[in-house]
PDB file of N, CA and C in Angstrom:
ATOM      1  N   MET A   1      43.442  89.636 237.992  1.00  0.00           N
ATOM      2  CA  MET A   1      43.978  88.802 239.114  1.00  0.00           C
ATOM      3  C   MET A   1      43.524  87.435 238.856  1.00  0.00           C
ATOM      4  N   ALA A   2      45.183  86.576 239.212  1.00  0.00           N
ATOM      5  CA  ALA A   2      44.873  85.304 238.804  1.00  0.00           C
ATOM      6  C   ALA A   2      44.057  84.518 239.805  1.00  0.00           C
ATOM      7  N   PHE A   3      43.648  83.311 239.267  1.00  0.00           N
ATOM      8  CA  PHE A   3      42.941  82.697 240.071  1.00  0.00           C
ATOM      9  C   PHE A   3      43.769  81.319 240.624  1.00  0.00           C
ATOM     10  N   TYR A   4      43.800  80.974 241.819  1.00  0.00           N
ATOM     11  CA  TYR A   4      44.709  79.807 241.943  1.00  0.00           C
ATOM     12  C   TYR A   4      43.450  78.963 242.748  1.00  0.00           C
ATOM     13  N   PRO A   5      43.624  77.345 242.213  1.00  0.00           N
ATOM     14  CA  PRO A   5      42.557  76.664 242.503  1.00  0.00           C
ATOM     15  C   PRO A   5      43.103  76.171 243.887  1.00  0.00           C
ATOM     16  N   ARG A   6      42.243  75.878 245.066  1.00  0.00           N
ATOM     17  CA  ARG A   6      42.290  75.428 246.180  1.00  0.00           C
ATOM     18  C   ARG A   6      42.903  73.682 246.143  1.00  0.00           C
ATOM     19  N   PRO A   7      43.599  73.475 246.864  1.00  0.00           N
ATOM     20  CA  PRO A   7      44.264  71.988 246.965  1.00  0.00           C
ATOM     21  C   PRO A   7      43.061  71.161 247.202  1.00  0.00           C
ATOM     22  N   ARG A   8      43.066  70.101 246.313  1.00  0.00           N
ATOM     23  CA  ARG A   8      42.015  68.990 246.975  1.00  0.00           C
ATOM     24  C   ARG A   8      42.258  68.759 248.136  1.00  0.00           C
ATOM     25  N   TYR A   9      41.258  68.220 248.800  1.00  0.00           N
ATOM     26  CA  TYR A   9      41.376  67.573 249.898  1.00  0.00           C
ATOM     27  C   TYR A   9      41.771  66.370 250.115  1.00  0.00           C
ATOM     28  N   ILE A  10      42.601  65.805 250.960  1.00  0.00           N
ATOM     29  CA  ILE A  10      43.575  64.817 250.965  1.00  0.00           C
ATOM     30  C   ILE A  10      43.066  63.818 251.689  1.00  0.00           C
ATOM     31  N   GLY A  11      42.387  64.347 252.780  1.00  0.00           N
ATOM     32  CA  GLY A  11      41.938  63.377 254.442  1.00  0.00           C
ATOM     33  C   GLY A  11      42.807  63.627 254.986  1.00  0.00           C
ATOM     34  N   PRO A  12      42.719  62.602 256.110  1.00  0.00           N
ATOM     35  CA  PRO A  12      43.823  62.555 257.315  1.00  0.00           C
ATOM     36  C   PRO A  12      44.756  61.980 256.632  1.00  0.00           C
ATOM     37  N   MET A  13      46.206  62.213 257.467  1.00  0.00           N
ATOM     38  CA  MET A  13      47.130  61.518 257.026  1.00  0.00           C
ATOM     39  C   MET A  13      47.320  60.122 257.900  1.00  0.00           C
ATOM     40  N   ALA A  14      47.686  59.142 257.707  1.00  0.00           N
ATOM     41  CA  ALA A  14      47.882  57.933 257.993  1.00  0.00           C
ATOM     42  C   ALA A  14      48.776  58.209 259.277  1.00  0.00           C
ATOM     43  N   GLU A  15      48.326  57.573 260.483  1.00  0.00           N
ATOM     44  CA  GLU A  15      49.277  57.527 261.640  1.00  0.00           C
ATOM     45  C   GLU A  15      50.355  56.427 261.379  1.00  0.00           C
ATOM     46  N   LEU A  16      51.704  56.881 261.587  1.00  0.00           N
ATOM     47  CA  LEU A  16      52.444  55.960 261.409  1.00  0.00           C
ATOM     48  C   LEU A  16      53.499  55.934 262.592  1.00  0.00           C
ATOM     49  N   SER A  17      53.920  54.331 263.188  1.00  0.00           N
ATOM     50  CA  SER A  17      54.715  54.262 263.967  1.00  0.00           C
ATOM     51  C   SER A  17      55.955  54.419 263.365  1.00  0.00           C
ATOM     52  N   GLU A  18      57.233  54.829 264.321  1.00  0.00           N
ATOM     53  CA  GLU A  18      58.332  55.166 263.839  1.00  0.00           C
ATOM     54  C   GLU A  18      59.271  53.801 262.755  1.00  0.00           C
ATOM     55  N   SER A  19      58.820  52.826 263.483  1.00  0.00           N
ATOM     56  CA  SER A  19      59.158  51.677 262.319  1.00  0.00           C
ATOM     57  C   SER A  19      58.602  51.550 261.128  1.00  0.00           C
ATOM     58  N   ARG A  20      57.198  51.673 261.078  1.00  0.00           N
ATOM     59  CA  ARG A  20      56.749  51.653 259.757  1.00  0.00           C
ATOM     60  C   ARG A  20      56.786  52.735 258.960  1.00  0.00           C
ATOM     61  N   PHE A  21      57.145  53.905 259.601  1.00  0.00           N
ATOM     62  CA  PHE A  21      57.647  55.142 258.633  1.00  0.00           C
ATOM     63  C   PHE A  21      58.993  55.060 258.310  1.00  0.00           C
ATOM     64  N   GLU A  22      59.934  54.380 259.092  1.00  0.00           N
ATOM     65  CA  GLU A  22      61.204  53.931 258.343  1.00  0.00           C
ATOM     66  C   GLU A  22      61.111  53.059 257.377  1.00  0.00           C
ATOM     67  N   LEU A  23      60.375  52.009 257.252  1.00  0.00           N
ATOM     68  CA  LEU A  23      60.370  50.965 256.236  1.00  0.00           C
ATOM     69  C   LEU A  23      59.803  51.732 255.258  1.00  0.00           C
ATOM     70  N   LEU A  24      58.555  52.374 255.081  1.00  0.00           N
ATOM     71  CA  LEU A  24      58.062  53.150 254.234  1.00  0.00           C
ATOM     72  C   LEU A  24      58.862  54.068 253.258  1.00  0.00           C
ATOM     73  N   ALA A  25      59.653  55.160 254.023  1.00  0.00           N
ATOM     74  CA  ALA A  25      60.607  55.977 253.777  1.00  0.00           C
ATOM     75  C   ALA A  25      61.703  55.426 252.982  1.00  0.00           C
ATOM     76  N   ASP A  26      62.330  54.335 253.783  1.00  0.00           N
ATOM     77  CA  ASP A  26      63.328  53.779 253.171  1.00  0.00           C
ATOM     78  C   ASP A  26      63.284  53.020 251.950  1.00  0.00           C
ATOM     79  N   GLU A  27      61.848  52.337 251.712  1.00  0.00           N
ATOM     80  CA  GLU A  27      61.702  51.741 250.545  1.00  0.00           C
ATOM     81  C   GLU A  27      61.426  52.686 249.465  1.00  0.00           C
ATOM     82  N   THR A  28      60.826  53.754 249.650  1.00  0.00           N
ATOM     83  CA  THR A  28      60.576  54.840 248.759  1.00  0.00           C
ATOM     84  C   THR A  28      61.696  55.051 248.316  1.00  0.00           C
ATOM     85  N   LEU A  29      62.656  55.836 249.180  1.00  0.00           N
ATOM     86  CA  LEU A  29      63.875  56.466 248.486  1.00  0.00           C
ATOM     87  C   LEU A  29      64.615  55.563 247.769  1.00  0.00           C
ATOM     88  N   GLN A  30      64.507  54.291 248.359  1.00  0.00           N
ATOM     89  CA  GLN A  30      65.505  53.089 247.473  1.00  0.00           C
ATOM     90  C   GLN A  30      64.682  52.901 245.898  1.00  0.00           C
ATOM     91  N   LYS A  31      63.416  52.947 245.653  1.00  0.00           N
ATOM     92  CA  LYS A  31      63.050  52.662 244.434  1.00  0.00           C
ATOM     93  C   LYS A  31      63.094  54.039 243.615  1.00  0.00           C
ATOM     94  N   MET A  32      63.208  55.071 244.410  1.00  0.00           N
ATOM     95  CA  MET A  32      63.532  56.174 243.731  1.00  0.00           C
ATOM     96  C   MET A  32      65.074  56.500 242.865  1.00  0.00           C
ATOM     97  N   VAL A  33      65.992  56.088 243.603  1.00  0.00           N
ATOM     98  CA  VAL A  33      67.267  56.018 243.168  1.00  0.00           C
ATOM     99  C   VAL A  33      67.301  55.055 242.115  1.00  0.00           C
ATOM    100  N   GLU A  34      66.977  54.160 242.334  1.00  0.00           N
ATOM    101  CA  GLU A  34      66.826  52.741 241.502  1.00  0.00           C
ATOM    102  C   GLU A  34      66.391  53.303 240.247  1.00  0.00           C
ATOM    103  N   ALA A  35      65.028  53.910 240.115  1.00  0.00           N
ATOM    104  CA  ALA A  35      64.365  54.265 239.128  1.00  0.00           C
ATOM    105  C   ALA A  35      65.457  55.728 238.477  1.00  0.00           C
ATOM    106  N   LEU A  36      66.077  56.538 238.959  1.00  0.00           N
ATOM    107  CA  LEU A  36      66.702  57.490 238.363  1.00  0.00           C
ATOM    108  C   LEU A  36      68.023  56.911 238.018  1.00  0.00           C
ATOM    109  N   ALA A  37      68.438  55.632 238.453  1.00  0.00           N
ATOM    110  CA  ALA A  37      69.483  55.022 237.839  1.00  0.00           C
ATOM    111  C   ALA A  37      69.403  54.390 236.586  1.00  0.00           C
ATOM    112  N   ASP A  38      68.064  53.635 236.452  1.00  0.00           N
ATOM    113  CA  ASP A  38      67.600  53.011 235.494  1.00  0.00           C
ATOM    114  C   ASP A  38      67.273  53.864 234.318  1.00  0.00           C
ATOM    115  N   SER A  39      67.083  55.167 234.292  1.00  0.00           N
ATOM    116  CA  SER A  39      67.224  56.279 233.533  1.00  0.00           C
ATOM    117  C   SER A  39      68.272  56.430 232.436  1.00  0.00           C
ATOM    118  N   ASP A  40      69.444  55.821 232.830  1.00  0.00           N
ATOM    119  CA  ASP A  40      70.530  55.939 232.189  1.00  0.00           C
ATOM    120  C   ASP A  40      70.690  57.443 231.813  1.00  0.00           C
ATOM    121  N   ASP A  41      70.279  58.320 232.098  1.00  0.00           N
ATOM    122  CA  ASP A  41      70.367  59.588 231.980  1.00  0.00           C
ATOM    123  C   ASP A  41      71.849  60.325 232.284  1.00  0.00           C
ATOM    124  N   GLU A  42      72.352  60.436 231.488  1.00  0.00           N
ATOM    125  CA  GLU A  42      74.091  60.962 231.533  1.00  0.00           C
ATOM    126  C   GLU A  42      73.993  62.486 232.265  1.00  0.00           C
ATOM    127  N   GLY A  43      72.589  63.141 232.159  1.00  0.00           N
ATOM    128  CA  GLY A  43      72.503  64.110 232.509  1.00  0.00           C
ATOM    129  C   GLY A  43      72.529  64.517 234.340  1.00  0.00           C
ATOM    130  N   LEU A  44      72.212  63.344 235.037  1.00  0.00           N
ATOM    131  CA  LEU A  44      72.084  63.354 236.223  1.00  0.00           C
ATOM    132  C   LEU A  44      72.927  62.281 236.948  1.00  0.00           C
ATOM    133  N   ASP A  45      72.996  62.294 238.320  1.00  0.00           N
ATOM    134  CA  ASP A  45      73.754  61.433 239.087  1.00  0.00           C
ATOM    135  C   ASP A  45      72.694  61.352 240.521  1.00  0.00           C
ATOM    136  N   ALA A  46      72.138  59.942 241.128  1.00  0.00           N
ATOM    137  CA  ALA A  46      71.551  59.948 241.867  1.00  0.00           C
ATOM    138  C   ALA A  46      72.438  59.214 243.047  1.00  0.00           C
ATOM    139  N   ASP A  47      72.095  59.782 244.405  1.00  0.00           N
ATOM    140  CA  ASP A  47      73.239  58.857 245.405  1.00  0.00           C
ATOM    141  C   ASP A  47      71.935  58.946 246.564  1.00  0.00           C
ATOM    142  N   LEU A  48      72.016  57.851 247.061  1.00  0.00           N
ATOM    143  CA  LEU A  48      71.199  57.643 248.324  1.00  0.00           C
ATOM    144  C   LEU A  48      72.092  57.072 249.441  1.00  0.00           C
ATOM    145  N   GLU A  49      72.365  57.997 250.524  1.00  0.00           N
ATOM    146  CA  GLU A  49      73.028  57.999 251.683  1.00  0.00           C
ATOM    147  C   GLU A  49      72.599  58.622 253.033  1.00  0.00           C
ATOM    148  N   SER A  50      72.431  57.333 253.748  1.00  0.00           N
ATOM    149  CA  SER A  50      71.654  57.792 255.134  1.00  0.00           C
ATOM    150  C   SER A  50      70.460  58.481 255.143  1.00  0.00           C
ATOM    151  N   GLY A  51      69.433  58.023 254.273  1.00  0.00           N
ATOM    152  CA  GLY A  51      68.070  58.528 254.121  1.00  0.00           C
ATOM    153  C   GLY A  51      68.144  59.813 253.319  1.00  0.00           C
ATOM    154  N   VAL A  52      69.209  60.216 252.984  1.00  0.00           N
ATOM    155  CA  VAL A  52      69.197  61.254 251.928  1.00  0.00           C
ATOM    156  C   VAL A  52      69.652  61.258 250.634  1.00  0.00           C
ATOM    157  N   LEU A  53      68.513  61.289 249.355  1.00  0.00           N
ATOM    158  CA  LEU A  53      68.682  60.881 248.203  1.00  0.00           C
ATOM    159  C   LEU A  53      69.097  62.446 247.584  1.00  0.00           C
ATOM    160  N   THR A  54      70.295  62.533 247.223  1.00  0.00           N
ATOM    161  CA  THR A  54      70.577  63.745 246.124  1.00  0.00           C
ATOM    162  C   THR A  54      70.794  63.417 244.805  1.00  0.00           C
ATOM    163  N   ILE A  55      70.201  64.130 244.177  1.00  0.00           N
ATOM    164  CA  ILE A  55      70.071  64.164 242.690  1.00  0.00           C
ATOM    165  C   ILE A  55      70.920  65.692 242.155  1.00  0.00           C
ATOM    166  N   GLU A  56      72.015  65.015 241.225  1.00  0.00           N
ATOM    167  CA  GLU A  56      72.924  66.392 240.877  1.00  0.00           C
ATOM    168  C   GLU A  56      72.847  66.224 239.589  1.00  0.00           C
ATOM    169  N   PHE A  57      72.779  67.043 238.735  1.00  0.00           N
ATOM    170  CA  PHE A  57      72.835  67.689 237.186  1.00  0.00           C
ATOM    171  C   PHE A  57      73.934  68.003 236.817  1.00  0.00           C
ATOM    172  N   ALA A  58      74.518  67.974 235.449  1.00  0.00           N
ATOM    173  CA  ALA A  58      75.583  68.163 234.969  1.00  0.00           C
ATOM    174  C   ALA A  58      76.046  69.643 235.386  1.00  0.00           C
ATOM    175  N   ASP A  59      75.058  70.552 235.355  1.00  0.00           N
ATOM    176  CA  ASP A  59      75.426  71.953 236.009  1.00  0.00           C
ATOM    177  C   ASP A  59      75.694  72.391 237.264  1.00  0.00           C
ATOM    178  N   GLY A  60      75.905  71.129 238.196  1.00  0.00           N
ATOM    179  CA  GLY A  60      75.778  71.149 239.426  1.00  0.00           C
ATOM    180  C   GLY A  60      75.078  71.712 240.496  1.00  0.00           C
ATOM    181  N   THR A  61      73.723  71.824 239.946  1.00  0.00           N
ATOM    182  CA  THR A  61      72.398  71.987 240.518  1.00  0.00           C
ATOM    183  C   THR A  61      72.204  70.424 241.310  1.00  0.00           C
ATOM    184  N   LYS A  62      71.596  70.553 242.507  1.00  0.00           N
ATOM    185  CA  LYS A  62      71.367  69.700 243.300  1.00  0.00           C
ATOM    186  C   LYS A  62      69.826  69.477 243.812  1.00  0.00           C
ATOM    187  N   PHE A  63      69.381  68.524 243.414  1.00  0.00           N
ATOM    188  CA  PHE A  63      67.819  68.322 244.188  1.00  0.00           C
ATOM    189  C   PHE A  63      67.788  67.353 245.327  1.00  0.00           C
ATOM    190  N   VAL A  64      67.401  67.731 246.603  1.00  0.00           N
ATOM    191  CA  VAL A  64      67.768  66.913 247.703  1.00  0.00           C
ATOM    192  C   VAL A  64      65.936  66.332 248.368  1.00  0.00           C
ATOM    193  N   ILE A  65      66.126  65.156 248.598  1.00  0.00           N
ATOM    194  CA  ILE A  65      64.879  64.521 249.052  1.00  0.00           C
ATOM    195  C   ILE A  65      65.454  63.625 250.285  1.00  0.00           C
ATOM    196  N   ASN A  66      64.578  64.137 251.287  1.00  0.00           N
ATOM    197  CA  ASN A  66      65.082  63.103 252.399  1.00  0.00           C
ATOM    198  C   ASN A  66      64.023  62.722 253.549  1.00  0.00           C
ATOM    199  N   SER A  67      64.388  61.739 254.157  1.00  0.00           N
ATOM    200  CA  SER A  67      63.085  61.368 255.141  1.00  0.00           C
ATOM    201  C   SER A  67      63.463  62.041 256.442  1.00  0.00           C
ATOM    202  N   HIS A  68      62.555  62.642 256.924  1.00  0.00           N
ATOM    203  CA  HIS A  68      62.694  63.263 258.175  1.00  0.00           C
ATOM    204  C   HIS A  68      61.867  62.706 259.155  1.00  0.00           C
ATOM    205  N   ARG A  69      62.338  61.779 260.135  1.00  0.00           N
ATOM    206  CA  ARG A  69      61.901  60.750 260.889  1.00  0.00           C
ATOM    207  C   ARG A  69      61.037  61.849 262.187  1.00  0.00           C
ATOM    208  N   ALA A  70      61.677  62.774 262.340  1.00  0.00           N
ATOM    209  CA  ALA A  70      60.994  63.439 263.408  1.00  0.00           C
ATOM    210  C   ALA A  70      59.564  63.850 263.266  1.00  0.00           C
ATOM    211  N   ALA A  71      59.276  64.426 261.744  1.00  0.00           N
ATOM    212  CA  ALA A  71      58.110  64.644 261.799  1.00  0.00           C
ATOM    213  C   ALA A  71      57.416  63.699 260.762  1.00  0.00           C
ATOM    214  N   ARG A  72      58.201  62.579 260.270  1.00  0.00           N
ATOM    215  CA  ARG A  72      57.413  61.440 259.543  1.00  0.00           C
ATOM    216  C   ARG A  72      56.975  61.938 258.655  1.00  0.00           C
ATOM    217  N   GLN A  73      57.822  62.643 257.753  1.00  0.00           N
ATOM    218  CA  GLN A  73      57.718  63.289 256.550  1.00  0.00           C
ATOM    219  C   GLN A  73      58.806  62.924 255.472  1.00  0.00           C
ATOM    220  N   ILE A  74      58.656  62.846 254.149  1.00  0.00           N
ATOM    221  CA  ILE A  74      59.724  63.061 253.363  1.00  0.00           C
ATOM    222  C   ILE A  74      59.711  64.625 252.722  1.00  0.00           C
ATOM    223  N   TRP A  75      60.646  65.230 253.107  1.00  0.00           N
ATOM    224  CA  TRP A  75      61.269  66.506 252.456  1.00  0.00           C
ATOM    225  C   TRP A  75      61.817  66.492 251.085  1.00  0.00           C
ATOM    226  N   MET A  76      61.454  67.358 250.302  1.00  0.00           N
ATOM    227  CA  MET A  76      62.212  67.686 248.983  1.00  0.00           C
ATOM    228  C   MET A  76      62.576  69.062 248.565  1.00  0.00           C
ATOM    229  N   ALA A  77      63.708  69.315 248.343  1.00  0.00           N
ATOM    230  CA  ALA A  77      64.036  70.747 248.086  1.00  0.00           C
ATOM    231  C   ALA A  77      64.729  70.731 246.638  1.00  0.00           C
ATOM    232  N   ALA A  78      63.740  71.597 245.728  1.00  0.00           N
ATOM    233  CA  ALA A  78      64.412  71.582 244.251  1.00  0.00           C
ATOM    234  C   ALA A  78      64.467  72.993 244.002  1.00  0.00           C
ATOM    235  N   GLY A  79      65.710  73.512 243.794  1.00  0.00           N
ATOM    236  CA  GLY A  79      65.679  75.262 243.542  1.00  0.00           C
ATOM    237  C   GLY A  79      65.127  76.048 244.904  1.00  0.00           C
ATOM    238  N   THR A  80      64.291  76.665 244.302  1.00  0.00           N
ATOM    239  CA  THR A  80      63.720  77.722 245.600  1.00  0.00           C
ATOM    240  C   THR A  80      62.314  77.144 246.295  1.00  0.00           C
ATOM    241  N   THR A  81      62.073  75.961 245.835  1.00  0.00           N
ATOM    242  CA  THR A  81      60.657  75.434 246.160  1.00  0.00           C
ATOM    243  C   THR A  81      61.247  74.066 247.146  1.00  0.00           C
ATOM    244  N   ALA A  82      60.430  74.179 248.239  1.00  0.00           N
ATOM    245  CA  ALA A  82      60.199  72.710 249.148  1.00  0.00           C
ATOM    246  C   ALA A  82      59.316  72.360 249.189  1.00  0.00           C
ATOM    247  N   TRP A  83      59.093  70.938 249.518  1.00  0.00           N
ATOM    248  CA  TRP A  83      57.716  70.286 250.064  1.00  0.00           C
ATOM    249  C   TRP A  83      58.046  69.335 251.101  1.00  0.00           C
ATOM    250  N   HIS A  84      57.017  69.034 251.986  1.00  0.00           N
ATOM    251  CA  HIS A  84      56.698  68.134 252.858  1.00  0.00           C
ATOM    252  C   HIS A  84      55.876  67.061 252.473  1.00  0.00           C
ATOM    253  N   PHE A  85      56.113  66.228 252.372  1.00  0.00           N
ATOM    254  CA  PHE A  85      55.018  65.055 252.019  1.00  0.00           C
ATOM    255  C   PHE A  85      54.997  64.246 253.170  1.00  0.00           C
ATOM    256  N   ASP A  86      53.562  63.898 253.430  1.00  0.00           N
ATOM    257  CA  ASP A  86      53.082  63.005 254.260  1.00  0.00           C
ATOM    258  C   ASP A  86      52.564  61.767 253.952  1.00  0.00           C
ATOM    259  N   TRP A  87      52.645  60.449 254.500  1.00  0.00           N
ATOM    260  CA  TRP A  87      51.912  59.095 253.824  1.00  0.00           C
ATOM    261  C   TRP A  87      50.405  59.347 254.054  1.00  0.00           C
ATOM    262  N   ASP A  88      49.362  59.241 253.431  1.00  0.00           N
ATOM    263  CA  ASP A  88      47.970  59.159 253.163  1.00  0.00           C
ATOM    264  C   ASP A  88      47.429  58.058 253.557  1.00  0.00           C
ATOM    265  N   GLY A  89      48.356  56.916 253.634  1.00  0.00           N
ATOM    266  CA  GLY A  89      48.067  55.545 253.730  1.00  0.00           C
ATOM    267  C   GLY A  89      48.194  54.704 252.245  1.00  0.00           C
ATOM    268  N   GLN A  90      48.443  55.613 250.894  1.00  0.00           N
ATOM    269  CA  GLN A  90      48.413  54.940 249.721  1.00  0.00           C
ATOM    270  C   GLN A  90      49.701  55.770 249.382  1.00  0.00           C
ATOM    271  N   ALA A  91      50.025  56.741 249.388  1.00  0.00           N
ATOM    272  CA  ALA A  91      51.131  57.664 248.774  1.00  0.00           C
ATOM    273  C   ALA A  91      52.006  58.618 249.574  1.00  0.00           C
ATOM    274  N   TRP A  92      52.701  59.388 249.442  1.00  0.00           N
ATOM    275  CA  TRP A  92      53.267  60.453 249.845  1.00  0.00           C
ATOM    276  C   TRP A  92      52.801  61.965 249.125  1.00  0.00           C
ATOM    277  N   VAL A  93      51.831  62.625 250.084  1.00  0.00           N
ATOM    278  CA  VAL A  93      51.218  63.714 249.565  1.00  0.00           C
ATOM    279  C   VAL A  93      51.617  64.935 250.584  1.00  0.00           C
ATOM    280  N   SER A  94      51.867  66.296 249.601  1.00  0.00           N
ATOM    281  CA  SER A  94      51.867  67.133 250.309  1.00  0.00           C
ATOM    282  C   SER A  94      50.398  67.876 250.912  1.00  0.00           C
ATOM    283  N   ARG A  95      50.494  67.956 252.229  1.00  0.00           N
ATOM    284  CA  ARG A  95      49.335  68.893 252.503  1.00  0.00           C
ATOM    285  C   ARG A  95      49.112  69.991 251.910  1.00  0.00           C
ATOM    286  N   ARG A  96      49.670  70.752 251.876  1.00  0.00           N
ATOM    287  CA  ARG A  96      49.879  72.321 251.261  1.00  0.00           C
ATOM    288  C   ARG A  96      49.376  72.515 249.936  1.00  0.00           C
ATOM    289  N   SER A  97      50.035  71.497 249.111  1.00  0.00           N
ATOM    290  CA  SER A  97      49.761  71.649 247.353  1.00  0.00           C
ATOM    291  C   SER A  97      48.750  70.508 247.218  1.00  0.00           C
ATOM    292  N   SER A  98      48.786  69.431 247.673  1.00  0.00           N
ATOM    293  CA  SER A  98      48.158  68.058 247.103  1.00  0.00           C
ATOM    294  C   SER A  98      49.289  67.438 246.027  1.00  0.00           C
ATOM    295  N   ASP A  99      50.399  67.831 246.256  1.00  0.00           N
ATOM    296  CA  ASP A  99      51.107  67.407 245.188  1.00  0.00           C
ATOM    297  C   ASP A  99      51.783  65.876 245.529  1.00  0.00           C
ATOM    298  N   GLU A 100      52.025  65.039 244.952  1.00  0.00           N
ATOM    299  CA  GLU A 100      52.376  63.387 245.129  1.00  0.00           C
ATOM    300  C   GLU A 100      53.786  63.485 245.083  1.00  0.00           C
ATOM    301  N   LEU A 101      54.821  62.733 245.499  1.00  0.00           N
ATOM    302  CA  LEU A 101      55.723  62.700 245.479  1.00  0.00           C
ATOM    303  C   LEU A 101      56.612  62.278 244.360  1.00  0.00           C
ATOM    304  N   TRP A 102      56.416  61.110 243.631  1.00  0.00           N
ATOM    305  CA  TRP A 102      56.550  60.746 242.591  1.00  0.00           C
ATOM    306  C   TRP A 102      56.501  61.449 241.316  1.00  0.00           C
ATOM    307  N   THR A 103      55.131  61.939 241.314  1.00  0.00           N
ATOM    308  CA  THR A 103      54.989  62.804 240.318  1.00  0.00           C
ATOM    309  C   THR A 103      55.567  64.405 240.380  1.00  0.00           C
ATOM    310  N   THR A 104      55.979  64.798 241.463  1.00  0.00           N
ATOM    311  CA  THR A 104      56.543  65.959 241.962  1.00  0.00           C
ATOM    312  C   THR A 104      58.120  65.411 241.398  1.00  0.00           C
ATOM    313  N   VAL A 105      58.752  64.739 241.855  1.00  0.00           N
ATOM    314  CA  VAL A 105      59.979  64.545 241.416  1.00  0.00           C
ATOM    315  C   VAL A 105      60.253  64.265 239.950  1.00  0.00           C
ATOM    316  N   GLN A 106      59.253  63.736 239.333  1.00  0.00           N
ATOM    317  CA  GLN A 106      59.433  63.364 238.063  1.00  0.00           C
ATOM    318  C   GLN A 106      59.268  64.540 236.930  1.00  0.00           C
ATOM    319  N   ALA A 107      58.131  65.415 237.604  1.00  0.00           N
ATOM    320  CA  ALA A 107      58.201  66.584 236.995  1.00  0.00           C
ATOM    321  C   ALA A 107      59.366  67.852 237.081  1.00  0.00           C
ATOM    322  N   LYS A 108      59.722  68.014 238.301  1.00  0.00           N
ATOM    323  CA  LYS A 108      61.146  68.553 238.392  1.00  0.00           C
ATOM    324  C   LYS A 108      62.218  68.188 237.838  1.00  0.00           C
ATOM    325  N   VAL A 109      62.725  66.694 237.868  1.00  0.00           N
ATOM    326  CA  VAL A 109      63.530  66.329 237.075  1.00  0.00           C
ATOM    327  C   VAL A 109      63.517  66.380 235.690  1.00  0.00           C
ATOM    328  N   SER A 110      62.625  66.270 235.049  1.00  0.00           N
ATOM    329  CA  SER A 110      62.077  66.345 233.583  1.00  0.00           C
ATOM    330  C   SER A 110      62.310  67.824 233.103  1.00  0.00           C
ATOM    331  N   ALA A 111      61.733  68.563 233.705  1.00  0.00           N
ATOM    332  CA  ALA A 111      61.651  70.077 233.416  1.00  0.00           C
ATOM    333  C   ALA A 111      63.262  70.557 233.570  1.00  0.00           C
ATOM    334  N   LYS A 112      64.114  69.858 234.567  1.00  0.00           N
ATOM    335  CA  LYS A 112      65.578  70.580 234.536  1.00  0.00           C
ATOM    336  C   LYS A 112      66.339  69.656 233.480  1.00  0.00           C
ATOM    337  N   LEU A 113      65.923  68.442 233.114  1.00  0.00           N
ATOM    338  CA  LEU A 113      66.702  67.871 231.893  1.00  0.00           C
ATOM    339  C   LEU A 113      66.285  68.384 230.496  1.00  0.00           C
ATOM    340  N   GLY A 114      64.959  69.076 230.693  1.00  0.00           N
ATOM    341  CA  GLY A 114      64.508  69.395 229.292  1.00  0.00           C
ATOM    342  C   GLY A 114      63.745  68.275 228.759  1.00  0.00           C
ATOM    343  N   ARG A 115      63.434  66.991 229.046  1.00  0.00           N
ATOM    344  CA  ARG A 115      62.909  66.071 228.512  1.00  0.00           C
ATOM    345  C   ARG A 115      62.113  65.129 229.564  1.00  0.00           C
ATOM    346  N   SER A 116      61.286  64.498 229.108  1.00  0.00           N
ATOM    347  CA  SER A 116      60.656  63.321 230.096  1.00  0.00           C
ATOM    348  C   SER A 116      61.556  62.204 230.410  1.00  0.00           C
ATOM    349  N   LEU A 117      61.464  61.734 231.903  1.00  0.00           N
ATOM    350  CA  LEU A 117      62.144  60.656 232.034  1.00  0.00           C
ATOM    351  C   LEU A 117      61.350  59.045 231.709  1.00  0.00           C
ATOM    352  N   PRO A 118      62.229  58.438 231.009  1.00  0.00           N
ATOM    353  CA  PRO A 118      61.401  57.164 230.410  1.00  0.00           C
ATOM    354  C   PRO A 118      60.917  56.291 231.640  1.00  0.00           C
ATOM    355  N   SER A 119      60.038  55.575 231.390  1.00  0.00           N
ATOM    356  CA  SER A 119      59.616  54.562 232.290  1.00  0.00           C
ATOM    357  C   SER A 119      59.612  54.869 233.839  1.00  0.00           C
ATOM    358  N   TRP A 120      59.051  55.898 233.966  1.00  0.00           N
ATOM    359  CA  TRP A 120      59.320  56.346 235.475  1.00  0.00           C
ATOM    360  C   TRP A 120      57.939  55.541 236.395  1.00  0.00           C
ATOM    361  N   PRO A 121      58.250  55.039 237.156  1.00  0.00           N
ATOM    362  CA  PRO A 121      57.533  53.936 237.859  1.00  0.00           C
ATOM    363  C   PRO A 121      56.335  54.967 238.730  1.00  0.00           C
ATOM    364  N   GLY A 122      56.505  55.915 239.281  1.00  0.00           N
ATOM    365  CA  GLY A 122      55.443  56.521 240.343  1.00  0.00           C
ATOM    366  C   GLY A 122      54.115  56.503 239.853  1.00  0.00           C
TER     367      GLY A 122
END
């Protein structure tokens, strides 16, 4: 029987006004696309348009990260896995898994590329 540790308690999610959410989400996605562009990796292309960050790899695989204004979350889909990240007052964190957005993106992109992203700011 496999043992699966329980996710750590991350406390209550910060209440966000719509304007504060939009500012935080837009800033996060912009920083993320800049970090991916700064990696100068020819194996991926990152494009941000209308709150949707698409990361496309040389083999045609796409990861999608977007702000979901109605839920006030950032959503990510990579392969067959999806996350919903809430703002906890300091970072975007998944309530279900306790994964942090930047760490998750770095891990998934690095795994897809087969190497670590240099100078990842997360």
